[in-house]
PDB file of N, CA and C in Angstrom:
ATOM      1  N   MET A   1       0.823  -1.192   0.000  1.00  0.00           N
ATOM      2  CA  MET A   1       0.000   0.000   0.000  1.00  0.00           C
ATOM      3  C   MET A   1       0.870   1.260   0.000  1.00  0.00           C
ATOM      4  N   LYS A   2       1.975   1.203   0.731  1.00  0.00           N
ATOM      5  CA  LYS A   2       2.854   2.364   0.794  1.00  0.00           C
ATOM      6  C   LYS A   2       3.506   2.622  -0.565  1.00  0.00           C
ATOM      7  N   ALA A   3       3.884   1.548  -1.252  1.00  0.00           N
ATOM      8  CA  ALA A   3       4.509   1.710  -2.568  1.00  0.00           C
ATOM      9  C   ALA A   3       3.517   2.295  -3.572  1.00  0.00           C
ATOM     10  N   ALA A   4       2.266   1.860  -3.480  1.00  0.00           N
ATOM     11  CA  ALA A   4       1.255   2.385  -4.401  1.00  0.00           C
ATOM     12  C   ALA A   4       1.000   3.869  -4.144  1.00  0.00           C
ATOM     13  N   SER A   5       0.961   4.261  -2.883  1.00  0.00           N
ATOM     14  CA  SER A   5       0.730   5.675  -2.584  1.00  0.00           C
ATOM     15  C   SER A   5       1.933   6.527  -2.987  1.00  0.00           C
ATOM     16  N   LEU A   6       3.146   5.995  -2.837  1.00  0.00           N
ATOM     17  CA  LEU A   6       4.330   6.732  -3.283  1.00  0.00           C
ATOM     18  C   LEU A   6       4.340   6.890  -4.802  1.00  0.00           C
ATOM     19  N   PHE A   7       3.973   5.824  -5.502  1.00  0.00           N
ATOM     20  CA  PHE A   7       3.911   5.892  -6.957  1.00  0.00           C
ATOM     21  C   PHE A   7       2.871   6.914  -7.403  1.00  0.00           C
ATOM     22  N   LEU A   8       1.704   6.884  -6.777  1.00  0.00           N
ATOM     23  CA  LEU A   8       0.651   7.822  -7.144  1.00  0.00           C
ATOM     24  C   LEU A   8       1.060   9.259  -6.820  1.00  0.00           C
ATOM     25  N   GLY A   9       1.722   9.461  -5.695  1.00  0.00           N
ATOM     26  CA  GLY A   9       2.197  10.798  -5.342  1.00  0.00           C
ATOM     27  C   GLY A   9       3.227  11.309  -6.328  1.00  0.00           C
ATOM     28  N   PHE A  10       4.164  10.452  -6.722  1.00  0.00           N
ATOM     29  CA  PHE A  10       5.177  10.842  -7.706  1.00  0.00           C
ATOM     30  C   PHE A  10       4.538  11.118  -9.068  1.00  0.00           C
ATOM     31  N   TYR A  11       3.555  10.308  -9.425  1.00  0.00           N
ATOM     32  CA  TYR A  11       2.839  10.478 -10.683  1.00  0.00           C
ATOM     33  C   TYR A  11       2.120  11.827 -10.722  1.00  0.00           C
ATOM     34  N   LEU A  12       1.449  12.186  -9.635  1.00  0.00           N
ATOM     35  CA  LEU A  12       0.744  13.463  -9.580  1.00  0.00           C
ATOM     36  C   LEU A  12       1.709  14.641  -9.512  1.00  0.00           C
ATOM     37  N   LEU A  13       2.846  14.445  -8.851  1.00  0.00           N
ATOM     38  CA  LEU A  13       3.858  15.499  -8.804  1.00  0.00           C
ATOM     39  C   LEU A  13       4.393  15.797 -10.199  1.00  0.00           C
ATOM     40  N   LEU A  14       4.685  14.764 -10.954  1.00  0.00           N
ATOM     41  CA  LEU A  14       5.161  14.977 -12.322  1.00  0.00           C
ATOM     42  C   LEU A  14       4.077  15.593 -13.197  1.00  0.00           C
ATOM     43  N   GLY A  15       2.835  15.221 -12.953  1.00  0.00           N
ATOM     44  CA  GLY A  15       1.739  15.820 -13.709  1.00  0.00           C
ATOM     45  C   GLY A  15       1.603  17.303 -13.441  1.00  0.00           C
ATOM     46  N   GLY A  16       1.917  17.726 -12.216  1.00  0.00           N
ATOM     47  CA  GLY A  16       1.877  19.148 -11.899  1.00  0.00           C
ATOM     48  C   GLY A  16       3.080  19.895 -12.419  1.00  0.00           C
ATOM     49  N   LEU A  17       4.243  19.244 -12.410  1.00  0.00           N
ATOM     50  CA  LEU A  17       5.453  19.909 -12.882  1.00  0.00           C
ATOM     51  C   LEU A  17       5.531  19.963 -14.401  1.00  0.00           C
ATOM     52  N   LEU A  18       4.962  18.976 -15.046  1.00  0.00           N
ATOM     53  CA  LEU A  18       5.006  18.903 -16.508  1.00  0.00           C
ATOM     54  C   LEU A  18       3.586  18.890 -17.070  1.00  0.00           C
ATOM     55  N   PRO A  19       2.863  19.993 -16.989  1.00  0.00           N
ATOM     56  CA  PRO A  19       1.494  19.968 -17.505  1.00  0.00           C
ATOM     57  C   PRO A  19       1.487  19.835 -19.023  1.00  0.00           C
ATOM     58  N   HIS A  20       0.505  19.171 -19.513  1.00  0.00           N
ATOM     59  CA  HIS A  20       0.299  18.943 -20.947  1.00  0.00           C
ATOM     60  C   HIS A  20       1.437  18.145 -21.584  1.00  0.00           C
ATOM     61  N   ALA A  21       2.219  17.454 -20.807  1.00  0.00           N
ATOM     62  CA  ALA A  21       3.270  16.599 -21.359  1.00  0.00           C
ATOM     63  C   ALA A  21       2.867  15.149 -21.116  1.00  0.00           C
ATOM     64  N   GLU A  22       3.137  14.342 -22.070  1.00  0.00           N
ATOM     65  CA  GLU A  22       2.786  12.939 -21.913  1.00  0.00           C
ATOM     66  C   GLU A  22       3.849  12.231 -21.097  1.00  0.00           C
ATOM     67  N   TYR A  23       3.420  11.291 -20.308  1.00  0.00           N
ATOM     68  CA  TYR A  23       4.353  10.553 -19.462  1.00  0.00           C
ATOM     69  C   TYR A  23       5.222   9.597 -20.279  1.00  0.00           C
ATOM     70  N   ALA A  24       4.839   9.328 -21.513  1.00  0.00           N
ATOM     71  CA  ALA A  24       5.663   8.470 -22.366  1.00  0.00           C
ATOM     72  C   ALA A  24       7.000   9.132 -22.675  1.00  0.00           C
ATOM     73  N   GLU A  25       7.044  10.448 -22.607  1.00  0.00           N
ATOM     74  CA  GLU A  25       8.297  11.160 -22.846  1.00  0.00           C
ATOM     75  C   GLU A  25       9.309  10.882 -21.739  1.00  0.00           C
ATOM     76  N   LEU A  26       8.829  10.526 -20.561  1.00  0.00           N
ATOM     77  CA  LEU A  26       9.747  10.256 -19.452  1.00  0.00           C
ATOM     78  C   LEU A  26      10.556   8.982 -19.679  1.00  0.00           C
ATOM     79  N   THR A  27      10.084   8.112 -20.553  1.00  0.00           N
ATOM     80  CA  THR A  27      10.853   6.900 -20.855  1.00  0.00           C
ATOM     81  C   THR A  27      12.097   7.223 -21.679  1.00  0.00           C
ATOM     82  N   LYS A  28      12.151   8.419 -22.237  1.00  0.00           N
ATOM     83  CA  LYS A  28      13.312   8.823 -23.029  1.00  0.00           C
ATOM     84  C   LYS A  28      14.390   9.504 -22.182  1.00  0.00           C
ATOM     85  N   LEU A  29      14.179   9.653 -20.879  1.00  0.00           N
ATOM     86  CA  LEU A  29      15.165  10.310 -20.020  1.00  0.00           C
ATOM     87  C   LEU A  29      16.508   9.587 -19.974  1.00  0.00           C
ATOM     88  N   PRO A  30      16.554   8.239 -19.964  1.00  0.00           N
ATOM     89  CA  PRO A  30      17.878   7.600 -20.032  1.00  0.00           C
ATOM     90  C   PRO A  30      18.636   7.940 -21.315  1.00  0.00           C
ATOM     91  N   GLY A  31      17.924   8.100 -22.424  1.00  0.00           N
ATOM     92  CA  GLY A  31      18.563   8.514 -23.670  1.00  0.00           C
ATOM     93  C   GLY A  31      19.111   9.929 -23.576  1.00  0.00           C
ATOM     94  N   LEU A  32      18.421  10.790 -22.832  1.00  0.00           N
ATOM     95  CA  LEU A  32      18.904  12.151 -22.615  1.00  0.00           C
ATOM     96  C   LEU A  32      20.202  12.135 -21.816  1.00  0.00           C
ATOM     97  N   TYR A  33      20.253  11.293 -20.795  1.00  0.00           N
ATOM     98  CA  TYR A  33      21.470  11.201 -19.983  1.00  0.00           C
ATOM     99  C   TYR A  33      22.631  10.622 -20.800  1.00  0.00           C
ATOM    100  N   ALA A  34      22.346   9.613 -21.631  1.00  0.00           N
ATOM    101  CA  ALA A  34      23.402   9.033 -22.474  1.00  0.00           C
ATOM    102  C   ALA A  34      23.909  10.063 -23.488  1.00  0.00           C
ATOM    103  N   HIS A  35      23.017  10.864 -24.017  1.00  0.00           N
ATOM    104  CA  HIS A  35      23.423  11.899 -24.969  1.00  0.00           C
ATOM    105  C   HIS A  35      24.248  12.977 -24.262  1.00  0.00           C
ATOM    106  N   TYR A  36      23.905  13.269 -23.007  1.00  0.00           N
ATOM    107  CA  TYR A  36      24.699  14.217 -22.223  1.00  0.00           C
ATOM    108  C   TYR A  36      26.104  13.668 -21.989  1.00  0.00           C
ATOM    109  N   GLN A  37      26.205  12.385 -21.715  1.00  0.00           N
ATOM    110  CA  GLN A  37      27.520  11.769 -21.517  1.00  0.00           C
ATOM    111  C   GLN A  37      28.358  11.865 -22.793  1.00  0.00           C
ATOM    112  N   THR A  38      27.719  11.717 -23.952  1.00  0.00           N
ATOM    113  CA  THR A  38      28.427  11.851 -25.229  1.00  0.00           C
ATOM    114  C   THR A  38      28.988  13.266 -25.391  1.00  0.00           C
ATOM    115  N   HIS A  39      28.157  14.257 -25.095  1.00  0.00           N
ATOM    116  CA  HIS A  39      28.625  15.645 -25.192  1.00  0.00           C
ATOM    117  C   HIS A  39      29.690  15.944 -24.139  1.00  0.00           C
ATOM    118  N   LEU A  40      29.582  15.327 -22.993  1.00  0.00           N
ATOM    119  CA  LEU A  40      30.556  15.546 -21.927  1.00  0.00           C
ATOM    120  C   LEU A  40      31.927  15.012 -22.338  1.00  0.00           C
ATOM    121  N   GLN A  41      31.943  13.867 -23.038  1.00  0.00           N
ATOM    122  CA  GLN A  41      33.213  13.314 -23.520  1.00  0.00           C
ATOM    123  C   GLN A  41      33.805  14.190 -24.629  1.00  0.00           C
ATOM    124  N   ARG A  42      32.948  14.745 -25.486  1.00  0.00           N
ATOM    125  CA  ARG A  42      33.435  15.592 -26.574  1.00  0.00           C
ATOM    126  C   ARG A  42      34.051  16.891 -26.058  1.00  0.00           C
ATOM    127  N   THR A  43      33.517  17.408 -24.949  1.00  0.00           N
ATOM    128  CA  THR A  43      34.019  18.683 -24.412  1.00  0.00           C
ATOM    129  C   THR A  43      35.019  18.473 -23.284  1.00  0.00           C
ATOM    130  N   ASN A  44      35.433  17.253 -23.050  1.00  0.00           N
ATOM    131  CA  ASN A  44      36.400  16.916 -21.994  1.00  0.00           C
ATOM    132  C   ASN A  44      35.924  17.365 -20.611  1.00  0.00           C
ATOM    133  N   GLY A  45      34.631  17.164 -20.332  1.00  0.00           N
ATOM    134  CA  GLY A  45      34.080  17.471 -19.014  1.00  0.00           C
ATOM    135  C   GLY A  45      33.828  18.940 -18.754  1.00  0.00           C
ATOM    136  N   GLN A  46      33.831  19.777 -19.776  1.00  0.00           N
ATOM    137  CA  GLN A  46      33.652  21.217 -19.599  1.00  0.00           C
ATOM    138  C   GLN A  46      32.199  21.676 -19.769  1.00  0.00           C
ATOM    139  N   LEU A  47      31.284  20.769 -20.006  1.00  0.00           N
ATOM    140  CA  LEU A  47      29.891  21.122 -20.275  1.00  0.00           C
ATOM    141  C   LEU A  47      29.035  20.790 -19.057  1.00  0.00           C
ATOM    142  N   SER A  48      28.343  21.779 -18.520  1.00  0.00           N
ATOM    143  CA  SER A  48      27.437  21.509 -17.398  1.00  0.00           C
ATOM    144  C   SER A  48      26.109  20.996 -17.945  1.00  0.00           C
ATOM    145  N   PHE A  49      25.331  20.383 -17.066  1.00  0.00           N
ATOM    146  CA  PHE A  49      24.054  19.829 -17.499  1.00  0.00           C
ATOM    147  C   PHE A  49      23.089  20.950 -17.896  1.00  0.00           C
ATOM    148  N   ALA A  50      23.159  22.084 -17.206  1.00  0.00           N
ATOM    149  CA  ALA A  50      22.294  23.220 -17.560  1.00  0.00           C
ATOM    150  C   ALA A  50      22.648  23.754 -18.946  1.00  0.00           C
ATOM    151  N   ASP A  51      23.938  23.849 -19.250  1.00  0.00           N
ATOM    152  CA  ASP A  51      24.348  24.296 -20.589  1.00  0.00           C
ATOM    153  C   ASP A  51      23.916  23.298 -21.656  1.00  0.00           C
ATOM    154  N   PHE A  52      23.970  22.022 -21.312  1.00  0.00           N
ATOM    155  CA  PHE A  52      23.522  20.978 -22.227  1.00  0.00           C
ATOM    156  C   PHE A  52      22.030  21.138 -22.531  1.00  0.00           C
ATOM    157  N   LEU A  53      21.233  21.398 -21.497  1.00  0.00           N
ATOM    158  CA  LEU A  53      19.794  21.567 -21.710  1.00  0.00           C
ATOM    159  C   LEU A  53      19.494  22.822 -22.521  1.00  0.00           C
ATOM    160  N   VAL A  54      20.218  23.894 -22.255  1.00  0.00           N
ATOM    161  CA  VAL A  54      20.021  25.120 -23.038  1.00  0.00           C
ATOM    162  C   VAL A  54      20.391  24.881 -24.494  1.00  0.00           C
ATOM    163  N   MET A  55      21.466  24.145 -24.723  1.00  0.00           N
ATOM    164  CA  MET A  55      21.918  23.871 -26.084  1.00  0.00           C
ATOM    165  C   MET A  55      20.890  23.033 -26.846  1.00  0.00           C
ATOM    166  N   HIS A  56      20.241  22.094 -26.165  1.00  0.00           N
ATOM    167  CA  HIS A  56      19.341  21.188 -26.862  1.00  0.00           C
ATOM    168  C   HIS A  56      17.890  21.656 -26.903  1.00  0.00           C
ATOM    169  N   TYR A  57      17.499  22.538 -26.009  1.00  0.00           N
ATOM    170  CA  TYR A  57      16.095  22.946 -25.988  1.00  0.00           C
ATOM    171  C   TYR A  57      15.889  24.425 -26.270  1.00  0.00           C
ATOM    172  N   ALA A  58      16.930  25.240 -26.271  1.00  0.00           N
ATOM    173  CA  ALA A  58      16.769  26.662 -26.571  1.00  0.00           C
ATOM    174  C   ALA A  58      17.415  27.044 -27.899  1.00  0.00           C
ATOM    175  N   ASP A  59      18.453  26.345 -28.310  1.00  0.00           N
ATOM    176  CA  ASP A  59      19.147  26.640 -29.557  1.00  0.00           C
ATOM    177  C   ASP A  59      18.491  25.842 -30.676  1.00  0.00           C
ATOM    178  N   ARG A  60      17.841  26.513 -31.597  1.00  0.00           N
ATOM    179  CA  ARG A  60      17.095  25.820 -32.647  1.00  0.00           C
ATOM    180  C   ARG A  60      18.001  25.052 -33.616  1.00  0.00           C
ATOM    181  N   GLN A  61      19.134  25.602 -33.967  1.00  0.00           N
ATOM    182  CA  GLN A  61      19.994  24.940 -34.946  1.00  0.00           C
ATOM    183  C   GLN A  61      20.555  23.638 -34.393  1.00  0.00           C
ATOM    184  N   HIS A  62      20.938  23.640 -33.135  1.00  0.00           N
ATOM    185  CA  HIS A  62      21.489  22.418 -32.560  1.00  0.00           C
ATOM    186  C   HIS A  62      20.387  21.407 -32.263  1.00  0.00           C
ATOM    187  N   ALA A  63      19.218  21.878 -31.874  1.00  0.00           N
ATOM    188  CA  ALA A  63      18.144  20.968 -31.471  1.00  0.00           C
ATOM    189  C   ALA A  63      17.495  20.271 -32.654  1.00  0.00           C
ATOM    190  N   GLN A  64      17.637  20.785 -33.870  1.00  0.00           N
ATOM    191  CA  GLN A  64      16.946  20.199 -35.010  1.00  0.00           C
ATOM    192  C   GLN A  64      17.771  19.164 -35.760  1.00  0.00           C
ATOM    193  N   SER A  65      18.878  18.750 -35.228  1.00  0.00           N
ATOM    194  CA  SER A  65      19.652  17.720 -35.928  1.00  0.00           C
ATOM    195  C   SER A  65      18.972  16.364 -35.765  1.00  0.00           C
ATOM    196  N   GLU A  66      19.339  15.430 -36.620  1.00  0.00           N
ATOM    197  CA  GLU A  66      18.649  14.137 -36.700  1.00  0.00           C
ATOM    198  C   GLU A  66      18.774  13.292 -35.432  1.00  0.00           C
ATOM    199  N   ASP A  67      19.937  13.282 -34.799  1.00  0.00           N
ATOM    200  CA  ASP A  67      20.111  12.407 -33.636  1.00  0.00           C
ATOM    201  C   ASP A  67      19.445  12.960 -32.377  1.00  0.00           C
ATOM    202  N   HIS A  68      18.903  14.155 -32.457  1.00  0.00           N
ATOM    203  CA  HIS A  68      18.240  14.736 -31.290  1.00  0.00           C
ATOM    204  C   HIS A  68      16.738  14.480 -31.275  1.00  0.00           C
ATOM    205  N   GLN A  69      16.224  13.818 -32.270  1.00  0.00           N
ATOM    206  CA  GLN A  69      14.793  13.553 -32.314  1.00  0.00           C
ATOM    207  C   GLN A  69      14.368  12.480 -31.311  1.00  0.00           C
ATOM    208  N   GLN A  70      15.316  11.715 -30.781  1.00  0.00           N
ATOM    209  CA  GLN A  70      14.993  10.704 -29.778  1.00  0.00           C
ATOM    210  C   GLN A  70      14.999  11.279 -28.362  1.00  0.00           C
ATOM    211  N   LEU A  71      15.361  12.530 -28.205  1.00  0.00           N
ATOM    212  CA  LEU A  71      15.385  13.148 -26.880  1.00  0.00           C
ATOM    213  C   LEU A  71      13.961  13.462 -26.428  1.00  0.00           C
ATOM    214  N   PRO A  72      13.736  13.487 -25.121  1.00  0.00           N
ATOM    215  CA  PRO A  72      12.375  13.766 -24.644  1.00  0.00           C
ATOM    216  C   PRO A  72      11.973  15.218 -24.883  1.00  0.00           C
ATOM    217  N   PHE A  73      10.671  15.422 -24.974  1.00  0.00           N
ATOM    218  CA  PHE A  73      10.046  16.734 -25.116  1.00  0.00           C
ATOM    219  C   PHE A  73      10.470  17.456 -26.393  1.00  0.00           C
ATOM    220  N   GLN A  74      10.719  16.711 -27.455  1.00  0.00           N
ATOM    221  CA  GLN A  74      11.035  17.302 -28.751  1.00  0.00           C
ATOM    222  C   GLN A  74       9.803  17.356 -29.660  1.00  0.00           C
ATOM    223  N   HIS A  75       8.776  16.604 -29.317  1.00  0.00           N
ATOM    224  CA  HIS A  75       7.587  16.516 -30.163  1.00  0.00           C
ATOM    225  C   HIS A  75       6.355  16.849 -29.342  1.00  0.00           C
ATOM    226  N   HIS A  76       5.364  17.317 -30.033  1.00  0.00           N
ATOM    227  CA  HIS A  76       4.081  17.603 -29.407  1.00  0.00           C
ATOM    228  C   HIS A  76       3.127  16.488 -29.807  1.00  0.00           C
ATOM    229  N   HIS A  77       2.675  15.710 -28.829  1.00  0.00           N
ATOM    230  CA  HIS A  77       1.877  14.532 -29.142  1.00  0.00           C
ATOM    231  C   HIS A  77       0.389  14.723 -28.928  1.00  0.00           C
ATOM    232  N   SER A  78       0.001  15.693 -28.177  1.00  0.00           N
ATOM    233  CA  SER A  78      -1.423  15.824 -27.869  1.00  0.00           C
ATOM    234  C   SER A  78      -2.074  16.829 -28.804  1.00  0.00           C
ATOM    235  N   CYS A  79      -3.278  16.520 -29.177  1.00  0.00           N
ATOM    236  CA  CYS A  79      -4.046  17.392 -30.054  1.00  0.00           C
ATOM    237  C   CYS A  79      -5.293  17.819 -29.294  1.00  0.00           C
ATOM    238  N   VAL A  80      -5.503  19.088 -29.213  1.00  0.00           N
ATOM    239  CA  VAL A  80      -6.647  19.603 -28.477  1.00  0.00           C
ATOM    240  C   VAL A  80      -7.562  20.311 -29.462  1.00  0.00           C
ATOM    241  N   ALA A  81      -8.800  19.879 -29.482  1.00  0.00           N
ATOM    242  CA  ALA A  81      -9.792  20.548 -30.312  1.00  0.00           C
ATOM    243  C   ALA A  81     -10.587  21.480 -29.412  1.00  0.00           C
ATOM    244  N   THR A  82     -10.573  22.730 -29.748  1.00  0.00           N
ATOM    245  CA  THR A  82     -11.269  23.713 -28.934  1.00  0.00           C
ATOM    246  C   THR A  82     -12.552  24.113 -29.637  1.00  0.00           C
ATOM    247  N   LEU A  83     -13.630  24.044 -28.914  1.00  0.00           N
ATOM    248  CA  LEU A  83     -14.925  24.420 -29.452  1.00  0.00           C
ATOM    249  C   LEU A  83     -15.356  25.704 -28.770  1.00  0.00           C
ATOM    250  N   LEU A  84     -15.648  26.694 -29.559  1.00  0.00           N
ATOM    251  CA  LEU A  84     -16.068  27.984 -29.027  1.00  0.00           C
ATOM    252  C   LEU A  84     -17.487  28.238 -29.484  1.00  0.00           C
ATOM    253  N   TYR A  85     -18.358  28.444 -28.534  1.00  0.00           N
ATOM    254  CA  TYR A  85     -19.756  28.715 -28.840  1.00  0.00           C
ATOM    255  C   TYR A  85     -20.104  30.077 -28.276  1.00  0.00           C
ATOM    256  N   CYS A  86     -20.566  30.954 -29.126  1.00  0.00           N
ATOM    257  CA  CYS A  86     -20.924  32.302 -28.693  1.00  0.00           C
ATOM    258  C   CYS A  86     -22.436  32.379 -28.517  1.00  0.00           C
ATOM    259  N   VAL A  87     -22.849  32.765 -27.343  1.00  0.00           N
ATOM    260  CA  VAL A  87     -24.265  32.923 -27.046  1.00  0.00           C
ATOM    261  C   VAL A  87     -24.712  34.273 -27.596  1.00  0.00           C
ATOM    262  N   PRO A  88     -25.864  34.318 -28.268  1.00  0.00           N
ATOM    263  CA  PRO A  88     -26.333  35.614 -28.767  1.00  0.00           C
ATOM    264  C   PRO A  88     -26.500  36.601 -27.615  1.00  0.00           C
ATOM    265  N   GLY A  89     -26.207  37.842 -27.891  1.00  0.00           N
ATOM    266  CA  GLY A  89     -26.241  38.863 -26.846  1.00  0.00           C
ATOM    267  C   GLY A  89     -27.652  39.189 -26.396  1.00  0.00           C
ATOM    268  N   PHE A  90     -27.752  39.694 -25.215  1.00  0.00           N
ATOM    269  CA  PHE A  90     -29.023  40.115 -24.654  1.00  0.00           C
ATOM    270  C   PHE A  90     -29.102  41.637 -24.715  1.00  0.00           C
ATOM    271  N   ASP A  91     -30.312  42.146 -24.910  1.00  0.00           N
ATOM    272  CA  ASP A  91     -30.515  43.588 -24.862  1.00  0.00           C
ATOM    273  C   ASP A  91     -30.927  43.955 -23.449  1.00  0.00           C
ATOM    274  N   PHE A  92     -30.103  44.698 -22.804  1.00  0.00           N
ATOM    275  CA  PHE A  92     -30.399  45.131 -21.450  1.00  0.00           C
ATOM    276  C   PHE A  92     -31.037  46.514 -21.525  1.00  0.00           C
ATOM    277  N   CYS A  93     -32.291  46.596 -21.161  1.00  0.00           N
ATOM    278  CA  CYS A  93     -32.995  47.871 -21.141  1.00  0.00           C
ATOM    279  C   CYS A  93     -33.170  48.286 -19.691  1.00  0.00           C
ATOM    280  N   PHE A  94     -32.609  49.393 -19.357  1.00  0.00           N
ATOM    281  CA  PHE A  94     -32.727  49.895 -18.001  1.00  0.00           C
ATOM    282  C   PHE A  94     -33.856  50.925 -17.962  1.00  0.00           C
ATOM    283  N   VAL A  95     -34.913  50.582 -17.262  1.00  0.00           N
ATOM    284  CA  VAL A  95     -36.058  51.468 -17.130  1.00  0.00           C
ATOM    285  C   VAL A  95     -35.873  52.283 -15.864  1.00  0.00           C
ATOM    286  N   PRO A  96     -36.004  53.606 -15.956  1.00  0.00           N
ATOM    287  CA  PRO A  96     -35.852  54.401 -14.733  1.00  0.00           C
ATOM    288  C   PRO A  96     -36.972  54.083 -13.750  1.00  0.00           C
ATOM    289  N   VAL A  97     -36.621  53.936 -12.523  1.00  0.00           N
ATOM    290  CA  VAL A  97     -37.574  53.578 -11.481  1.00  0.00           C
ATOM    291  C   VAL A  97     -38.080  54.855 -10.830  1.00  0.00           C
ATOM    292  N   GLN A  98     -39.402  54.946 -10.676  1.00  0.00           N
ATOM    293  CA  GLN A  98     -40.016  56.093 -10.013  1.00  0.00           C
ATOM    294  C   GLN A  98     -40.219  55.741  -8.546  1.00  0.00           C
ATOM    295  N   PHE A  99     -39.534  56.450  -7.696  1.00  0.00           N
ATOM    296  CA  PHE A  99     -39.668  56.213  -6.269  1.00  0.00           C
ATOM    297  C   PHE A  99     -40.776  57.099  -5.707  1.00  0.00           C
ATOM    298  N   ALA A 100     -41.413  56.619  -4.662  1.00  0.00           N
ATOM    299  CA  ALA A 100     -42.453  57.401  -3.997  1.00  0.00           C
ATOM    300  C   ALA A 100     -41.806  58.577  -3.275  1.00  0.00           C
ATOM    301  N   ALA A 101     -42.625  59.552  -2.938  1.00  0.00           N
ATOM    302  CA  ALA A 101     -42.113  60.721  -2.222  1.00  0.00           C
ATOM    303  C   ALA A 101     -41.565  60.284  -0.874  1.00  0.00           C
ATOM    304  N   ALA A 102     -40.609  61.003  -0.408  1.00  0.00           N
ATOM    305  CA  ALA A 102     -39.976  60.658   0.864  1.00  0.00           C
ATOM    306  C   ALA A 102     -40.979  60.798   2.000  1.00  0.00           C
ATOM    307  N   ILE A 103     -41.032  59.806   2.833  1.00  0.00           N
ATOM    308  CA  ILE A 103     -41.933  59.812   3.983  1.00  0.00           C
ATOM    309  C   ILE A 103     -41.152  60.307   5.180  1.00  0.00           C
ATOM    310  N   ARG A 104     -41.748  61.264   5.874  1.00  0.00           N
ATOM    311  CA  ARG A 104     -41.071  61.781   7.055  1.00  0.00           C
ATOM    312  C   ARG A 104     -41.134  60.748   8.167  1.00  0.00           C
ATOM    313  N   ASN A 105     -40.180  60.828   9.002  1.00  0.00           N
ATOM    314  CA  ASN A 105     -40.119  59.911  10.128  1.00  0.00           C
ATOM    315  C   ASN A 105     -41.236  60.246  11.111  1.00  0.00           C
ATOM    316  N   ARG A 106     -42.060  59.288  11.402  1.00  0.00           N
ATOM    317  CA  ARG A 106     -43.192  59.500  12.292  1.00  0.00           C
ATOM    318  C   ARG A 106     -42.932  58.940  13.684  1.00  0.00           C
ATOM    319  N   TYR A 107     -41.704  58.750  13.974  1.00  0.00           N
ATOM    320  CA  TYR A 107     -41.360  58.218  15.294  1.00  0.00           C
ATOM    321  C   TYR A 107     -41.620  59.278  16.358  1.00  0.00           C
ATOM    322  N   GLN A 108     -42.275  58.855  17.413  1.00  0.00           N
ATOM    323  CA  GLN A 108     -42.500  59.732  18.559  1.00  0.00           C
ATOM    324  C   GLN A 108     -41.985  59.012  19.788  1.00  0.00           C
ATOM    325  N   PRO A 109     -41.328  59.706  20.633  1.00  0.00           N
ATOM    326  CA  PRO A 109     -40.810  59.038  21.827  1.00  0.00           C
ATOM    327  C   PRO A 109     -41.941  58.441  22.658  1.00  0.00           C
ATOM    328  N   ILE A 110     -41.659  57.333  23.257  1.00  0.00           N
ATOM    329  CA  ILE A 110     -42.680  56.623  24.018  1.00  0.00           C
ATOM    330  C   ILE A 110     -43.120  57.409  25.255  1.00  0.00           C
ATOM    331  N   LEU A 111     -42.253  58.239  25.786  1.00  0.00           N
ATOM    332  CA  LEU A 111     -42.601  59.003  26.982  1.00  0.00           C
ATOM    333  C   LEU A 111     -43.620  60.095  26.686  1.00  0.00           C
ATOM    334  N   ARG A 112     -43.833  60.434  25.473  1.00  0.00           N
ATOM    335  CA  ARG A 112     -44.778  61.477  25.116  1.00  0.00           C
ATOM    336  C   ARG A 112     -46.210  61.031  25.370  1.00  0.00           C
ATOM    337  N   PHE A 113     -46.449  59.743  25.301  1.00  0.00           N
ATOM    338  CA  PHE A 113     -47.798  59.234  25.488  1.00  0.00           C
ATOM    339  C   PHE A 113     -48.176  59.136  26.965  1.00  0.00           C
ATOM    340  N   PHE A 114     -47.212  59.160  27.811  1.00  0.00           N
ATOM    341  CA  PHE A 114     -47.499  59.086  29.244  1.00  0.00           C
ATOM    342  C   PHE A 114     -47.578  60.505  29.808  1.00  0.00           C
ATOM    343  N   PRO A 115     -48.534  60.733  30.651  1.00  0.00           N
ATOM    344  CA  PRO A 115     -48.611  62.077  31.238  1.00  0.00           C
ATOM    345  C   PRO A 115     -47.452  62.308  32.198  1.00  0.00           C
ATOM    346  N   PRO A 116     -46.932  63.494  32.239  1.00  0.00           N
ATOM    347  CA  PRO A 116     -45.810  63.752  33.142  1.00  0.00           C
ATOM    348  C   PRO A 116     -46.238  63.600  34.602  1.00  0.00           C
ATOM    349  N   SER A 117     -45.402  63.029  35.351  1.00  0.00           N
ATOM    350  CA  SER A 117     -45.691  62.862  36.776  1.00  0.00           C
ATOM    351  C   SER A 117     -44.828  63.817  37.570  1.00  0.00           C
ATOM    352  N   ARG A 118     -45.110  63.938  38.841  1.00  0.00           N
ATOM    353  CA  ARG A 118     -44.373  64.863  39.677  1.00  0.00           C
ATOM    354  C   ARG A 118     -42.975  64.358  39.981  1.00  0.00           C
ATOM    355  N   ILE A 119     -42.730  63.100  39.837  1.00  0.00           N
ATOM    356  CA  ILE A 119     -41.420  62.553  40.174  1.00  0.00           C
ATOM    357  C   ILE A 119     -40.371  63.055  39.181  1.00  0.00           C
ATOM    358  N   PHE A 120     -40.729  63.103  37.925  1.00  0.00           N
ATOM    359  CA  PHE A 120     -39.765  63.448  36.888  1.00  0.00           C
ATOM    360  C   PHE A 120     -39.795  64.927  36.505  1.00  0.00           C
ATOM    361  N   GLN A 121     -40.414  65.751  37.306  1.00  0.00           N
ATOM    362  CA  GLN A 121     -40.456  67.183  37.038  1.00  0.00           C
ATOM    363  C   GLN A 121     -39.168  67.834  37.502  1.00  0.00           C
ATOM    364  N   PRO A 122     -38.657  68.805  36.753  1.00  0.00           N
ATOM    365  CA  PRO A 122     -37.459  69.490  37.210  1.00  0.00           C
ATOM    366  C   PRO A 122     -37.767  70.344  38.449  1.00  0.00           C
ATOM    367  N   PRO A 123     -36.763  70.584  39.260  1.00  0.00           N
ATOM    368  CA  PRO A 123     -37.018  71.382  40.464  1.00  0.00           C
ATOM    369  C   PRO A 123     -37.354  72.838  40.111  1.00  0.00           C
ATOM    370  N   LYS A 124     -38.118  73.452  40.962  1.00  0.00           N
ATOM    371  CA  LYS A 124     -38.545  74.826  40.716  1.00  0.00           C
ATOM    372  C   LYS A 124     -37.844  75.770  41.627  1.00  0.00           C
TER     373      LYS A 124
END
């Protein structure tokens, strides 16, 4: 169970890091490493892996040679058909709203309804 969860976690991690890339391209990674070793021998160990990747994936002239077609991520394998449907527009008619006249506040304090008593009268 632990191995299956690790495999699934690694699978989802690669899916997030390499979106829209097919996992079949990952089977070509050993060929990429072998090709790097070939370039490393030609340059007498002076080529870093980052320079190798820039040379093969950013430089168009070097990347389009025949022996580089077996490297991963050189081809686009997925085809996406996009369907766009436009909904006919709606006519928005804004009708001005007639509001009623402002109503004055008819609040009256509750103490007004009670007759004043002698207790709450101010001193004279």
